[in-house]
Amino acid sequence: MLALVNPVYDCLFRLAQPDSLQKEEEVDCLVLQLHRVGDQLEKMNSQLMVELFSLLRDGFLLQEGLSSLAQLLLLEIIEFRAAGWKMTDAAHKYYYSEVTE
């Protein structure tokens, strides 16, 4: 996995750029990959994860024109990481209750 850490981060940083955050498909891809390997990547290089999430927070808070879905996905992954890469029951209910009902 160590050999793949920097190339994976490169891809994630590309998906965290303002033009990519305007595209729901790219935000969805970014969030999906962070759900899958974010915890492992952070253990391998925590500084790059800090930088990546700084971009994501800035995009969520400052970027105009993000769709509601993109905003929701970004907020969810920010909270997911803040909770130690785990989904709390409350967060799961908040983000996914409409999907399952």
PDB file of N, CA and C in Angstrom:
ATOM      1  N   MET A   1       0.826  -1.201   0.000  1.00  0.00           N
ATOM      2  CA  MET A   1       0.000   0.000   0.000  1.00  0.00           C
ATOM      3  C   MET A   1       0.867   1.261   0.000  1.00  0.00           C
ATOM      4  N   LEU A   2       2.030   1.209   0.630  1.00  0.00           N
ATOM      5  CA  LEU A   2       2.883   2.393   0.762  1.00  0.00           C
ATOM      6  C   LEU A   2       3.212   3.015  -0.593  1.00  0.00           C
ATOM      7  N   ALA A   3       3.460   2.180  -1.593  1.00  0.00           N
ATOM      8  CA  ALA A   3       3.804   2.699  -2.921  1.00  0.00           C
ATOM      9  C   ALA A   3       2.633   3.436  -3.567  1.00  0.00           C
ATOM     10  N   LEU A   4       1.421   3.141  -3.136  1.00  0.00           N
ATOM     11  CA  LEU A   4       0.235   3.757  -3.729  1.00  0.00           C
ATOM     12  C   LEU A   4      -0.238   5.002  -2.995  1.00  0.00           C
ATOM     13  N   VAL A   5       0.312   5.288  -1.832  1.00  0.00           N
ATOM     14  CA  VAL A   5      -0.196   6.388  -1.011  1.00  0.00           C
ATOM     15  C   VAL A   5      -0.151   7.715  -1.762  1.00  0.00           C
ATOM     16  N   ASN A   6       0.997   8.092  -2.284  1.00  0.00           N
ATOM     17  CA  ASN A   6       1.095   9.390  -2.961  1.00  0.00           C
ATOM     18  C   ASN A   6       0.259   9.473  -4.234  1.00  0.00           C
ATOM     19  N   PRO A   7       0.235   8.442  -5.093  1.00  0.00           N
ATOM     20  CA  PRO A   7      -0.646   8.527  -6.263  1.00  0.00           C
ATOM     21  C   PRO A   7      -2.132   8.632  -5.889  1.00  0.00           C
ATOM     22  N   VAL A   8      -2.543   7.926  -4.845  1.00  0.00           N
ATOM     23  CA  VAL A   8      -3.941   8.024  -4.414  1.00  0.00           C
ATOM     24  C   VAL A   8      -4.227   9.426  -3.895  1.00  0.00           C
ATOM     25  N   TYR A   9      -3.325   9.952  -3.079  1.00  0.00           N
ATOM     26  CA  TYR A   9      -3.496  11.329  -2.609  1.00  0.00           C
ATOM     27  C   TYR A   9      -3.551  12.303  -3.789  1.00  0.00           C
ATOM     28  N   ASP A  10      -2.704  12.097  -4.795  1.00  0.00           N
ATOM     29  CA  ASP A  10      -2.723  12.974  -5.973  1.00  0.00           C
ATOM     30  C   ASP A  10      -4.109  12.990  -6.615  1.00  0.00           C
ATOM     31  N   CYS A  11      -4.712  11.823  -6.744  1.00  0.00           N
ATOM     32  CA  CYS A  11      -6.060  11.732  -7.321  1.00  0.00           C
ATOM     33  C   CYS A  11      -7.083  12.444  -6.440  1.00  0.00           C
ATOM     34  N   LEU A  12      -6.991  12.229  -5.137  1.00  0.00           N
ATOM     35  CA  LEU A  12      -7.939  12.858  -4.218  1.00  0.00           C
ATOM     36  C   LEU A  12      -7.787  14.377  -4.219  1.00  0.00           C
ATOM     37  N   PHE A  13      -6.552  14.853  -4.257  1.00  0.00           N
ATOM     38  CA  PHE A  13      -6.336  16.301  -4.328  1.00  0.00           C
ATOM     39  C   PHE A  13      -6.913  16.874  -5.618  1.00  0.00           C
ATOM     40  N   ARG A  14      -6.801  16.123  -6.712  1.00  0.00           N
ATOM     41  CA  ARG A  14      -7.391  16.594  -7.973  1.00  0.00           C
ATOM     42  C   ARG A  14      -8.903  16.702  -7.848  1.00  0.00           C
ATOM     43  N   LEU A  15      -9.513  15.716  -7.200  1.00  0.00           N
ATOM     44  CA  LEU A  15     -10.964  15.729  -7.022  1.00  0.00           C
ATOM     45  C   LEU A  15     -11.425  16.792  -6.030  1.00  0.00           C
ATOM     46  N   ALA A  16     -10.516  17.313  -5.224  1.00  0.00           N
ATOM     47  CA  ALA A  16     -10.862  18.342  -4.233  1.00  0.00           C
ATOM     48  C   ALA A  16     -10.686  19.760  -4.772  1.00  0.00           C
ATOM     49  N   GLN A  17     -10.291  19.891  -6.028  1.00  0.00           N
ATOM     50  CA  GLN A  17     -10.119  21.217  -6.624  1.00  0.00           C
ATOM     51  C   GLN A  17     -11.489  21.839  -6.925  1.00  0.00           C
ATOM     52  N   PRO A  18     -11.565  23.166  -6.934  1.00  0.00           N
ATOM     53  CA  PRO A  18     -12.858  23.843  -7.121  1.00  0.00           C
ATOM     54  C   PRO A  18     -13.637  23.395  -8.351  1.00  0.00           C
ATOM     55  N   ASP A  19     -12.971  23.174  -9.483  1.00  0.00           N
ATOM     56  CA  ASP A  19     -13.710  22.756 -10.677  1.00  0.00           C
ATOM     57  C   ASP A  19     -14.304  21.362 -10.517  1.00  0.00           C
ATOM     58  N   SER A  20     -13.629  20.487  -9.804  1.00  0.00           N
ATOM     59  CA  SER A  20     -14.157  19.138  -9.573  1.00  0.00           C
ATOM     60  C   SER A  20     -15.299  19.147  -8.567  1.00  0.00           C
ATOM     61  N   LEU A  21     -15.219  20.022  -7.575  1.00  0.00           N
ATOM     62  CA  LEU A  21     -16.285  20.088  -6.570  1.00  0.00           C
ATOM     63  C   LEU A  21     -17.600  20.581  -7.166  1.00  0.00           C
ATOM     64  N   GLN A  22     -17.553  21.159  -8.350  1.00  0.00           N
ATOM     65  CA  GLN A  22     -18.770  21.597  -9.039  1.00  0.00           C
ATOM     66  C   GLN A  22     -19.510  20.421  -9.684  1.00  0.00           C
ATOM     67  N   LYS A  23     -18.849  19.281  -9.772  1.00  0.00           N
ATOM     68  CA  LYS A  23     -19.427  18.116 -10.449  1.00  0.00           C
ATOM     69  C   LYS A  23     -19.791  17.057  -9.413  1.00  0.00           C
ATOM     70  N   GLU A  24     -21.077  16.797  -9.279  1.00  0.00           N
ATOM     71  CA  GLU A  24     -21.552  15.853  -8.261  1.00  0.00           C
ATOM     72  C   GLU A  24     -20.905  14.484  -8.394  1.00  0.00           C
ATOM     73  N   GLU A  25     -20.692  14.029  -9.621  1.00  0.00           N
ATOM     74  CA  GLU A  25     -20.104  12.703  -9.825  1.00  0.00           C
ATOM     75  C   GLU A  25     -18.691  12.645  -9.250  1.00  0.00           C
ATOM     76  N   GLU A  26     -17.955  13.731  -9.385  1.00  0.00           N
ATOM     77  CA  GLU A  26     -16.581  13.748  -8.887  1.00  0.00           C
ATOM     78  C   GLU A  26     -16.543  13.862  -7.367  1.00  0.00           C
ATOM     79  N   VAL A  27     -17.474  14.624  -6.804  1.00  0.00           N
ATOM     80  CA  VAL A  27     -17.565  14.706  -5.339  1.00  0.00           C
ATOM     81  C   VAL A  27     -17.957  13.344  -4.781  1.00  0.00           C
ATOM     82  N   ASP A  28     -18.899  12.681  -5.437  1.00  0.00           N
ATOM     83  CA  ASP A  28     -19.319  11.353  -4.997  1.00  0.00           C
ATOM     84  C   ASP A  28     -18.150  10.371  -5.045  1.00  0.00           C
ATOM     85  N   CYS A  29     -17.370  10.412  -6.093  1.00  0.00           N
ATOM     86  CA  CYS A  29     -16.190   9.546  -6.221  1.00  0.00           C
ATOM     87  C   CYS A  29     -15.186   9.836  -5.108  1.00  0.00           C
ATOM     88  N   LEU A  30     -14.917  11.105  -4.860  1.00  0.00           N
ATOM     89  CA  LEU A  30     -13.993  11.515  -3.803  1.00  0.00           C
ATOM     90  C   LEU A  30     -14.443  10.983  -2.450  1.00  0.00           C
ATOM     91  N   VAL A  31     -15.705  11.197  -2.138  1.00  0.00           N
ATOM     92  CA  VAL A  31     -16.234  10.778  -0.834  1.00  0.00           C
ATOM     93  C   VAL A  31     -16.227   9.256  -0.714  1.00  0.00           C
ATOM     94  N   LEU A  32     -16.597   8.566  -1.772  1.00  0.00           N
ATOM     95  CA  LEU A  32     -16.594   7.103  -1.754  1.00  0.00           C
ATOM     96  C   LEU A  32     -15.193   6.566  -1.475  1.00  0.00           C
ATOM     97  N   GLN A  33     -14.195   7.124  -2.139  1.00  0.00           N
ATOM     98  CA  GLN A  33     -12.823   6.659  -1.920  1.00  0.00           C
ATOM     99  C   GLN A  33     -12.341   6.981  -0.508  1.00  0.00           C
ATOM    100  N   LEU A  34     -12.709   8.137   0.006  1.00  0.00           N
ATOM    101  CA  LEU A  34     -12.315   8.468   1.380  1.00  0.00           C
ATOM    102  C   LEU A  34     -12.983   7.541   2.387  1.00  0.00           C
ATOM    103  N   HIS A  35     -14.225   7.147   2.127  1.00  0.00           N
ATOM    104  CA  HIS A  35     -14.877   6.166   3.002  1.00  0.00           C
ATOM    105  C   HIS A  35     -14.111   4.849   2.982  1.00  0.00           C
ATOM    106  N   ARG A  36     -13.649   4.459   1.818  1.00  0.00           N
ATOM    107  CA  ARG A  36     -12.977   3.165   1.675  1.00  0.00           C
ATOM    108  C   ARG A  36     -11.564   3.151   2.246  1.00  0.00           C
ATOM    109  N   VAL A  37     -10.773   4.181   1.950  1.00  0.00           N
ATOM    110  CA  VAL A  37      -9.350   4.122   2.298  1.00  0.00           C
ATOM    111  C   VAL A  37      -8.844   5.322   3.094  1.00  0.00           C
ATOM    112  N   GLY A  38      -9.727   6.224   3.464  1.00  0.00           N
ATOM    113  CA  GLY A  38      -9.299   7.430   4.165  1.00  0.00           C
ATOM    114  C   GLY A  38      -8.545   7.156   5.451  1.00  0.00           C
ATOM    115  N   ASP A  39      -9.057   6.246   6.238  1.00  0.00           N
ATOM    116  CA  ASP A  39      -8.412   5.917   7.516  1.00  0.00           C
ATOM    117  C   ASP A  39      -7.000   5.387   7.283  1.00  0.00           C
ATOM    118  N   GLN A  40      -6.851   4.488   6.325  1.00  0.00           N
ATOM    119  CA  GLN A  40      -5.529   3.924   6.023  1.00  0.00           C
ATOM    120  C   GLN A  40      -4.584   4.988   5.479  1.00  0.00           C
ATOM    121  N   LEU A  41      -5.091   5.835   4.601  1.00  0.00           N
ATOM    122  CA  LEU A  41      -4.253   6.901   4.050  1.00  0.00           C
ATOM    123  C   LEU A  41      -3.779   7.855   5.136  1.00  0.00           C
ATOM    124  N   GLU A  42      -4.671   8.185   6.051  1.00  0.00           N
ATOM    125  CA  GLU A  42      -4.292   9.104   7.120  1.00  0.00           C
ATOM    126  C   GLU A  42      -3.205   8.499   8.000  1.00  0.00           C
ATOM    127  N   LYS A  43      -3.286   7.199   8.242  1.00  0.00           N
ATOM    128  CA  LYS A  43      -2.248   6.534   9.041  1.00  0.00           C
ATOM    129  C   LYS A  43      -0.900   6.550   8.323  1.00  0.00           C
ATOM    130  N   MET A  44      -0.921   6.501   7.005  1.00  0.00           N
ATOM    131  CA  MET A  44       0.320   6.485   6.221  1.00  0.00           C
ATOM    132  C   MET A  44       0.932   7.878   6.060  1.00  0.00           C
ATOM    133  N   ASN A  45       0.071   8.897   5.944  1.00  0.00           N
ATOM    134  CA  ASN A  45       0.570  10.269   5.780  1.00  0.00           C
ATOM    135  C   ASN A  45      -0.503  11.240   6.277  1.00  0.00           C
ATOM    136  N   SER A  46      -0.459  11.521   7.561  1.00  0.00           N
ATOM    137  CA  SER A  46      -1.495  12.356   8.170  1.00  0.00           C
ATOM    138  C   SER A  46      -1.425  13.807   7.698  1.00  0.00           C
ATOM    139  N   GLN A  47      -0.236  14.293   7.381  1.00  0.00           N
ATOM    140  CA  GLN A  47      -0.112  15.689   6.942  1.00  0.00           C
ATOM    141  C   GLN A  47      -0.850  15.930   5.626  1.00  0.00           C
ATOM    142  N   LEU A  48      -0.744  14.992   4.694  1.00  0.00           N
ATOM    143  CA  LEU A  48      -1.478  15.147   3.441  1.00  0.00           C
ATOM    144  C   LEU A  48      -2.981  15.104   3.669  1.00  0.00           C
ATOM    145  N   MET A  49      -3.432  14.297   4.628  1.00  0.00           N
ATOM    146  CA  MET A  49      -4.866  14.247   4.921  1.00  0.00           C
ATOM    147  C   MET A  49      -5.332  15.574   5.515  1.00  0.00           C
ATOM    148  N   VAL A  50      -4.521  16.161   6.373  1.00  0.00           N
ATOM    149  CA  VAL A  50      -4.857  17.479   6.932  1.00  0.00           C
ATOM    150  C   VAL A  50      -5.003  18.496   5.797  1.00  0.00           C
ATOM    151  N   GLU A  51      -4.075  18.487   4.863  1.00  0.00           N
ATOM    152  CA  GLU A  51      -4.125  19.418   3.732  1.00  0.00           C
ATOM    153  C   GLU A  51      -5.343  19.159   2.844  1.00  0.00           C
ATOM    154  N   LEU A  52      -5.644  17.887   2.607  1.00  0.00           N
ATOM    155  CA  LEU A  52      -6.801  17.538   1.788  1.00  0.00           C
ATOM    156  C   LEU A  52      -8.087  18.029   2.435  1.00  0.00           C
ATOM    157  N   PHE A  53      -8.238  17.789   3.729  1.00  0.00           N
ATOM    158  CA  PHE A  53      -9.474  18.200   4.394  1.00  0.00           C
ATOM    159  C   PHE A  53      -9.559  19.711   4.565  1.00  0.00           C
ATOM    160  N   SER A  54      -8.443  20.380   4.559  1.00  0.00           N
ATOM    161  CA  SER A  54      -8.470  21.841   4.539  1.00  0.00           C
ATOM    162  C   SER A  54      -9.089  22.322   3.224  1.00  0.00           C
ATOM    163  N   LEU A  55      -8.704  21.693   2.129  1.00  0.00           N
ATOM    164  CA  LEU A  55      -9.308  22.014   0.830  1.00  0.00           C
ATOM    165  C   LEU A  55     -10.802  21.709   0.819  1.00  0.00           C
ATOM    166  N   LEU A  56     -11.170  20.562   1.383  1.00  0.00           N
ATOM    167  CA  LEU A  56     -12.582  20.179   1.393  1.00  0.00           C
ATOM    168  C   LEU A  56     -13.413  21.133   2.240  1.00  0.00           C
ATOM    169  N   ARG A  57     -12.896  21.519   3.402  1.00  0.00           N
ATOM    170  CA  ARG A  57     -13.623  22.478   4.250  1.00  0.00           C
ATOM    171  C   ARG A  57     -13.762  23.822   3.547  1.00  0.00           C
ATOM    172  N   ASP A  58     -12.678  24.281   2.936  1.00  0.00           N
ATOM    173  CA  ASP A  58     -12.754  25.544   2.199  1.00  0.00           C
ATOM    174  C   ASP A  58     -13.769  25.447   1.064  1.00  0.00           C
ATOM    175  N   GLY A  59     -13.760  24.345   0.362  1.00  0.00           N
ATOM    176  CA  GLY A  59     -14.729  24.153  -0.713  1.00  0.00           C
ATOM    177  C   GLY A  59     -16.148  24.154  -0.196  1.00  0.00           C
ATOM    178  N   PHE A  60     -16.375  23.475   0.907  1.00  0.00           N
ATOM    179  CA  PHE A  60     -17.711  23.405   1.497  1.00  0.00           C
ATOM    180  C   PHE A  60     -18.173  24.782   1.968  1.00  0.00           C
ATOM    181  N   LEU A  61     -17.287  25.515   2.624  1.00  0.00           N
ATOM    182  CA  LEU A  61     -17.669  26.788   3.240  1.00  0.00           C
ATOM    183  C   LEU A  61     -17.620  27.980   2.289  1.00  0.00           C
ATOM    184  N   LEU A  62     -16.687  27.981   1.360  1.00  0.00           N
ATOM    185  CA  LEU A  62     -16.408  29.197   0.600  1.00  0.00           C
ATOM    186  C   LEU A  62     -16.805  29.150  -0.870  1.00  0.00           C
ATOM    187  N   GLN A  63     -16.912  27.972  -1.417  1.00  0.00           N
ATOM    188  CA  GLN A  63     -17.149  27.883  -2.854  1.00  0.00           C
ATOM    189  C   GLN A  63     -18.618  28.099  -3.180  1.00  0.00           C
ATOM    190  N   GLU A  64     -18.857  29.004  -4.103  1.00  0.00           N
ATOM    191  CA  GLU A  64     -20.227  29.273  -4.524  1.00  0.00           C
ATOM    192  C   GLU A  64     -20.622  28.327  -5.647  1.00  0.00           C
ATOM    193  N   GLY A  65     -21.898  28.039  -5.701  1.00  0.00           N
ATOM    194  CA  GLY A  65     -22.418  27.239  -6.788  1.00  0.00           C
ATOM    195  C   GLY A  65     -22.376  25.740  -6.583  1.00  0.00           C
ATOM    196  N   LEU A  66     -22.008  25.285  -5.378  1.00  0.00           N
ATOM    197  CA  LEU A  66     -22.038  23.842  -5.126  1.00  0.00           C
ATOM    198  C   LEU A  66     -23.484  23.378  -5.040  1.00  0.00           C
ATOM    199  N   SER A  67     -23.757  22.235  -5.600  1.00  0.00           N
ATOM    200  CA  SER A  67     -25.108  21.687  -5.501  1.00  0.00           C
ATOM    201  C   SER A  67     -25.383  21.254  -4.065  1.00  0.00           C
ATOM    202  N   SER A  68     -26.649  21.100  -3.755  1.00  0.00           N
ATOM    203  CA  SER A  68     -27.030  20.634  -2.415  1.00  0.00           C
ATOM    204  C   SER A  68     -26.437  19.262  -2.131  1.00  0.00           C
ATOM    205  N   LEU A  69     -26.429  18.395  -3.137  1.00  0.00           N
ATOM    206  CA  LEU A  69     -25.868  17.058  -2.948  1.00  0.00           C
ATOM    207  C   LEU A  69     -24.370  17.131  -2.673  1.00  0.00           C
ATOM    208  N   ALA A  70     -23.660  17.955  -3.415  1.00  0.00           N
ATOM    209  CA  ALA A  70     -22.215  18.101  -3.191  1.00  0.00           C
ATOM    210  C   ALA A  70     -21.946  18.630  -1.788  1.00  0.00           C
ATOM    211  N   GLN A  71     -22.726  19.604  -1.346  1.00  0.00           N
ATOM    212  CA  GLN A  71     -22.566  20.134   0.007  1.00  0.00           C
ATOM    213  C   GLN A  71     -22.823  19.053   1.049  1.00  0.00           C
ATOM    214  N   LEU A  72     -23.879  18.277   0.847  1.00  0.00           N
ATOM    215  CA  LEU A  72     -24.218  17.204   1.784  1.00  0.00           C
ATOM    216  C   LEU A  72     -23.103  16.165   1.850  1.00  0.00           C
ATOM    217  N   LEU A  73     -22.584  15.766   0.701  1.00  0.00           N
ATOM    218  CA  LEU A  73     -21.511  14.771   0.664  1.00  0.00           C
ATOM    219  C   LEU A  73     -20.251  15.282   1.347  1.00  0.00           C
ATOM    220  N   LEU A  74     -19.904  16.533   1.105  1.00  0.00           N
ATOM    221  CA  LEU A  74     -18.711  17.100   1.737  1.00  0.00           C
ATOM    222  C   LEU A  74     -18.877  17.193   3.244  1.00  0.00           C
ATOM    223  N   LEU A  75     -20.035  17.650   3.686  1.00  0.00           N
ATOM    224  CA  LEU A  75     -20.271  17.741   5.127  1.00  0.00           C
ATOM    225  C   LEU A  75     -20.217  16.359   5.768  1.00  0.00           C
ATOM    226  N   GLU A  76     -20.795  15.386   5.100  1.00  0.00           N
ATOM    227  CA  GLU A  76     -20.809  14.028   5.645  1.00  0.00           C
ATOM    228  C   GLU A  76     -19.394  13.478   5.800  1.00  0.00           C
ATOM    229  N   ILE A  77     -18.531  13.671   4.801  1.00  0.00           N
ATOM    230  CA  ILE A  77     -17.178  13.110   4.906  1.00  0.00           C
ATOM    231  C   ILE A  77     -16.347  13.889   5.917  1.00  0.00           C
ATOM    232  N   ILE A  78     -16.580  15.177   6.053  1.00  0.00           N
ATOM    233  CA  ILE A  78     -15.886  15.968   7.074  1.00  0.00           C
ATOM    234  C   ILE A  78     -16.256  15.452   8.463  1.00  0.00           C
ATOM    235  N   GLU A  79     -17.538  15.203   8.686  1.00  0.00           N
ATOM    236  CA  GLU A  79     -17.980  14.682   9.981  1.00  0.00           C
ATOM    237  C   GLU A  79     -17.521  13.242  10.194  1.00  0.00           C
ATOM    238  N   PHE A  80     -17.490  12.458   9.125  1.00  0.00           N
ATOM    239  CA  PHE A  80     -17.043  11.067   9.208  1.00  0.00           C
ATOM    240  C   PHE A  80     -15.600  10.998   9.706  1.00  0.00           C
ATOM    241  N   ARG A  81     -14.750  11.819   9.140  1.00  0.00           N
ATOM    242  CA  ARG A  81     -13.351  11.850   9.595  1.00  0.00           C
ATOM    243  C   ARG A  81     -13.255  12.372  11.022  1.00  0.00           C
ATOM    244  N   ALA A  82     -14.014  13.413  11.337  1.00  0.00           N
ATOM    245  CA  ALA A  82     -13.978  13.994  12.684  1.00  0.00           C
ATOM    246  C   ALA A  82     -14.401  12.977  13.744  1.00  0.00           C
ATOM    247  N   ALA A  83     -15.220  12.011  13.352  1.00  0.00           N
ATOM    248  CA  ALA A  83     -15.679  10.969  14.274  1.00  0.00           C
ATOM    249  C   ALA A  83     -14.743   9.763  14.273  1.00  0.00           C
ATOM    250  N   GLY A  84     -13.530   9.941  13.775  1.00  0.00           N
ATOM    251  CA  GLY A  84     -12.563   8.845  13.782  1.00  0.00           C
ATOM    252  C   GLY A  84     -12.786   7.834  12.683  1.00  0.00           C
ATOM    253  N   TRP A  85     -13.287   8.307  11.529  1.00  0.00           N
ATOM    254  CA  TRP A  85     -13.551   7.451  10.380  1.00  0.00           C
ATOM    255  C   TRP A  85     -14.619   6.412  10.698  1.00  0.00           C
ATOM    256  N   LYS A  86     -15.573   6.808  11.526  1.00  0.00           N
ATOM    257  CA  LYS A  86     -16.713   5.942  11.854  1.00  0.00           C
ATOM    258  C   LYS A  86     -17.991   6.749  11.686  1.00  0.00           C
ATOM    259  N   MET A  87     -19.050   6.080  11.320  1.00  0.00           N
ATOM    260  CA  MET A  87     -20.343   6.728  11.180  1.00  0.00           C
ATOM    261  C   MET A  87     -21.129   6.511  12.467  1.00  0.00           C
ATOM    262  N   THR A  88     -21.429   7.597  13.151  1.00  0.00           N
ATOM    263  CA  THR A  88     -22.246   7.480  14.359  1.00  0.00           C
ATOM    264  C   THR A  88     -23.682   7.173  13.947  1.00  0.00           C
ATOM    265  N   ASP A  89     -24.436   6.610  14.869  1.00  0.00           N
ATOM    266  CA  ASP A  89     -25.842   6.316  14.578  1.00  0.00           C
ATOM    267  C   ASP A  89     -26.607   7.586  14.223  1.00  0.00           C
ATOM    268  N   ALA A  90     -26.338   8.657  14.965  1.00  0.00           N
ATOM    269  CA  ALA A  90     -27.028   9.925  14.707  1.00  0.00           C
ATOM    270  C   ALA A  90     -26.684  10.462  13.316  1.00  0.00           C
ATOM    271  N   ALA A  91     -25.419  10.379  12.947  1.00  0.00           N
ATOM    272  CA  ALA A  91     -25.010  10.859  11.624  1.00  0.00           C
ATOM    273  C   ALA A  91     -25.626   9.995  10.528  1.00  0.00           C
ATOM    274  N   HIS A  92     -25.638   8.698  10.727  1.00  0.00           N
ATOM    275  CA  HIS A  92     -26.232   7.805   9.730  1.00  0.00           C
ATOM    276  C   HIS A  92     -27.703   8.141   9.528  1.00  0.00           C
ATOM    277  N   LYS A  93     -28.414   8.341  10.621  1.00  0.00           N
ATOM    278  CA  LYS A  93     -29.834   8.684  10.529  1.00  0.00           C
ATOM    279  C   LYS A  93     -30.011  10.018   9.811  1.00  0.00           C
ATOM    280  N   TYR A  94     -29.183  10.996  10.136  1.00  0.00           N
ATOM    281  CA  TYR A  94     -29.295  12.322   9.527  1.00  0.00           C
ATOM    282  C   TYR A  94     -29.038  12.270   8.026  1.00  0.00           C
ATOM    283  N   TYR A  95     -27.972  11.608   7.623  1.00  0.00           N
ATOM    284  CA  TYR A  95     -27.582  11.627   6.216  1.00  0.00           C
ATOM    285  C   TYR A  95     -28.339  10.632   5.345  1.00  0.00           C
ATOM    286  N   TYR A  96     -28.808   9.543   5.933  1.00  0.00           N
ATOM    287  CA  TYR A  96     -29.360   8.478   5.104  1.00  0.00           C
ATOM    288  C   TYR A  96     -30.804   8.108   5.405  1.00  0.00           C
ATOM    289  N   SER A  97     -31.468   8.799   6.312  1.00  0.00           N
ATOM    290  CA  SER A  97     -32.835   8.414   6.668  1.00  0.00           C
ATOM    291  C   SER A  97     -33.790   8.563   5.489  1.00  0.00           C
ATOM    292  N   GLU A  98     -33.638   9.605   4.686  1.00  0.00           N
ATOM    293  CA  GLU A  98     -34.534   9.783   3.549  1.00  0.00           C
ATOM    294  C   GLU A  98     -34.295   8.732   2.478  1.00  0.00           C
ATOM    295  N   VAL A  99     -33.081   8.243   2.395  1.00  0.00           N
ATOM    296  CA  VAL A  99     -32.751   7.240   1.389  1.00  0.00           C
ATOM    297  C   VAL A  99     -33.420   5.913   1.715  1.00  0.00           C
ATOM    298  N   THR A 100     -33.487   5.580   3.008  1.00  0.00           N
ATOM    299  CA  THR A 100     -34.009   4.271   3.393  1.00  0.00           C
ATOM    300  C   THR A 100     -35.506   4.273   3.648  1.00  0.00           C
ATOM    301  N   GLU A 101     -36.096   5.428   3.816  1.00  0.00           N
ATOM    302  CA  GLU A 101     -37.537   5.479   4.114  1.00  0.00           C
ATOM    303  C   GLU A 101     -38.369   5.438   2.864  1.00  0.00           C
TER     304      GLU A 101
END
